[in-house]
Amino acid sequence: MLAVVRHRLFDGEVLDGVYRGQPPGIHLLGMTNRRLMLLEETTEPGRLALTSVPLTRGTSVGIIPDEDGDVEAAHSLAIRILPIIYDLHLRSSAEALELHDLLIWRIAEV
C-alpha cells in the first residue's frame, strides 16, 4: 500500500509519513507537504477509496482518549476535513485516475 501513495506523488510533493490505520475508517494515511492521501471506507462498509485532500481543507485534529480518559495512551485521532463525500462512477480506471490527478492538482494550487 505504501507503493500506492508513493506512486501518486506530484512533482515537488514530499512524503512526510505514512500511517496504517485499523478498520473501520481510514486504513492508510499518507501525509505530504501539500495534502492528505486517505485509503478510507466510503459510505458502503467494506468499500475503499483513495481520497486526496489538500491540507488547507483540514480544519482540526483531535486525540481520542482511551477508555480510561488517558490522552497520553490514545491510539486514535479525529481528523475533520469536509463533511460530505460524493461518489462519481466513471467508465474506466484510466479516466478516474486522470480526473483524480487533475482535480487534486487544481484544488491544491488554491
Protein backbone atom coordinates (compact mmCIF):
# COMPACT_ATOMS: atom_id res chain seq x y z
CA MET A 1 0.00 0.00 0.00
CA LEU A 2 2.93 2.33 0.55
CA ALA A 3 3.70 1.98 -3.15
CA VAL A 4 0.23 3.31 -3.98
CA VAL A 5 0.93 6.50 -2.00
CA ARG A 6 4.42 7.00 -3.43
CA HIS A 7 3.22 6.39 -6.98
CA ARG A 8 0.59 9.15 -6.64
CA LEU A 9 3.05 11.92 -5.62
CA PHE A 10 3.30 15.03 -7.82
CA ASP A 11 6.44 16.95 -8.75
CA GLY A 12 7.56 18.98 -5.75
CA GLU A 13 5.46 16.95 -3.33
CA VAL A 14 7.35 15.44 -0.40
CA LEU A 15 6.06 12.46 1.59
CA ASP A 16 6.19 13.30 5.31
CA GLY A 17 4.89 9.96 6.57
CA VAL A 18 2.58 7.01 6.04
CA TYR A 19 0.41 5.66 8.84
CA ARG A 20 -1.57 2.42 8.75
CA GLY A 21 -4.99 2.62 10.40
CA GLN A 22 -7.28 -0.10 11.63
CA PRO A 23 -10.73 -0.54 10.07
CA PRO A 24 -13.31 0.84 10.16
CA GLY A 25 -12.39 4.28 8.90
CA ILE A 26 -9.04 5.23 7.46
CA HIS A 27 -6.98 2.15 6.54
CA LEU A 28 -3.92 4.12 5.45
CA LEU A 29 -2.97 7.80 5.68
CA GLY A 30 -0.17 9.33 3.66
CA MET A 31 0.80 12.89 4.52
CA THR A 32 2.72 15.12 2.14
CA ASN A 33 3.72 18.76 2.25
CA ARG A 34 0.53 19.54 0.25
CA ARG A 35 -2.21 17.02 1.05
CA LEU A 36 -3.52 14.01 2.91
CA MET A 37 -3.98 10.78 0.98
CA LEU A 38 -6.55 8.56 2.66
CA LEU A 39 -7.34 4.96 1.87
CA GLU A 40 -10.70 5.01 3.58
CA GLU A 41 -14.11 3.41 3.77
CA THR A 42 -16.77 5.26 1.85
CA THR A 43 -20.49 5.21 2.53
CA GLU A 44 -20.63 1.47 1.85
CA PRO A 45 -18.85 -0.65 4.51
CA GLY A 46 -16.07 -2.80 3.09
CA ARG A 47 -15.60 -0.49 0.08
CA LEU A 48 -12.36 1.51 -0.06
CA ALA A 49 -11.44 4.76 -1.81
CA LEU A 50 -8.11 6.54 -2.21
CA THR A 51 -9.12 10.09 -1.29
CA SER A 52 -6.78 13.07 -1.63
CA VAL A 53 -7.46 16.20 0.40
CA PRO A 54 -5.39 19.39 0.29
CA LEU A 55 -4.01 20.27 3.72
CA THR A 56 -5.88 23.58 3.51
CA ARG A 57 -9.18 21.65 3.67
CA GLY A 58 -8.38 20.14 7.05
CA THR A 59 -9.92 22.11 9.90
CA SER A 60 -8.95 20.22 13.05
CA VAL A 61 -7.23 17.17 14.50
CA GLY A 62 -8.23 15.69 17.83
CA ILE A 63 -6.80 13.00 20.06
CA ILE A 64 -9.40 10.47 21.21
CA PRO A 65 -8.51 9.28 24.73
CA ASP A 66 -8.64 5.59 25.67
CA GLU A 67 -11.43 4.16 27.85
CA ASP A 68 -9.74 5.50 31.00
CA GLY A 69 -9.65 9.03 29.58
CA ASP A 70 -5.87 8.92 29.21
CA VAL A 71 -4.83 11.17 26.32
CA GLU A 72 -1.20 10.06 26.56
CA ALA A 73 -2.20 6.44 25.84
CA ALA A 74 -4.55 7.33 22.96
CA HIS A 75 -4.35 5.31 19.76
CA SER A 76 -6.95 7.24 17.81
CA LEU A 77 -7.24 10.61 16.10
CA ALA A 78 -10.24 12.51 14.77
CA ILE A 79 -9.41 14.40 11.57
CA ARG A 80 -12.03 16.86 10.38
CA ILE A 81 -11.90 17.64 6.71
CA LEU A 82 -15.11 18.42 4.85
CA PRO A 83 -18.27 16.66 5.94
CA ILE A 84 -19.51 15.46 2.54
CA ILE A 85 -18.08 12.85 0.14
CA TYR A 86 -19.60 12.34 -3.27
CA ASP A 87 -19.24 9.15 -5.36
CA LEU A 88 -18.55 9.52 -9.08
CA HIS A 89 -18.57 6.36 -11.19
CA LEU A 90 -16.56 6.69 -14.42
CA ARG A 91 -16.15 4.37 -17.40
CA SER A 92 -12.55 3.32 -16.79
CA SER A 93 -9.80 3.37 -14.19
CA ALA A 94 -7.63 5.46 -16.52
CA GLU A 95 -10.35 8.10 -16.71
CA ALA A 96 -10.84 8.03 -12.94
CA LEU A 97 -7.09 8.42 -12.28
CA GLU A 98 -6.81 11.23 -14.82
CA LEU A 99 -9.70 13.14 -13.24
CA HIS A 100 -8.40 12.49 -9.73
CA ASP A 101 -4.99 13.92 -10.60
CA LEU A 102 -6.44 16.93 -12.40
CA LEU A 103 -8.84 17.77 -9.58
CA ILE A 104 -6.35 17.45 -6.75
CA TRP A 105 -3.68 19.36 -8.68
CA ARG A 106 -6.07 22.26 -9.29
CA ILE A 107 -7.53 22.24 -5.78
CA ALA A 108 -4.05 22.12 -4.22
CA GLU A 109 -2.98 25.21 -6.21
CA VAL A 110 -5.58 27.41 -4.50
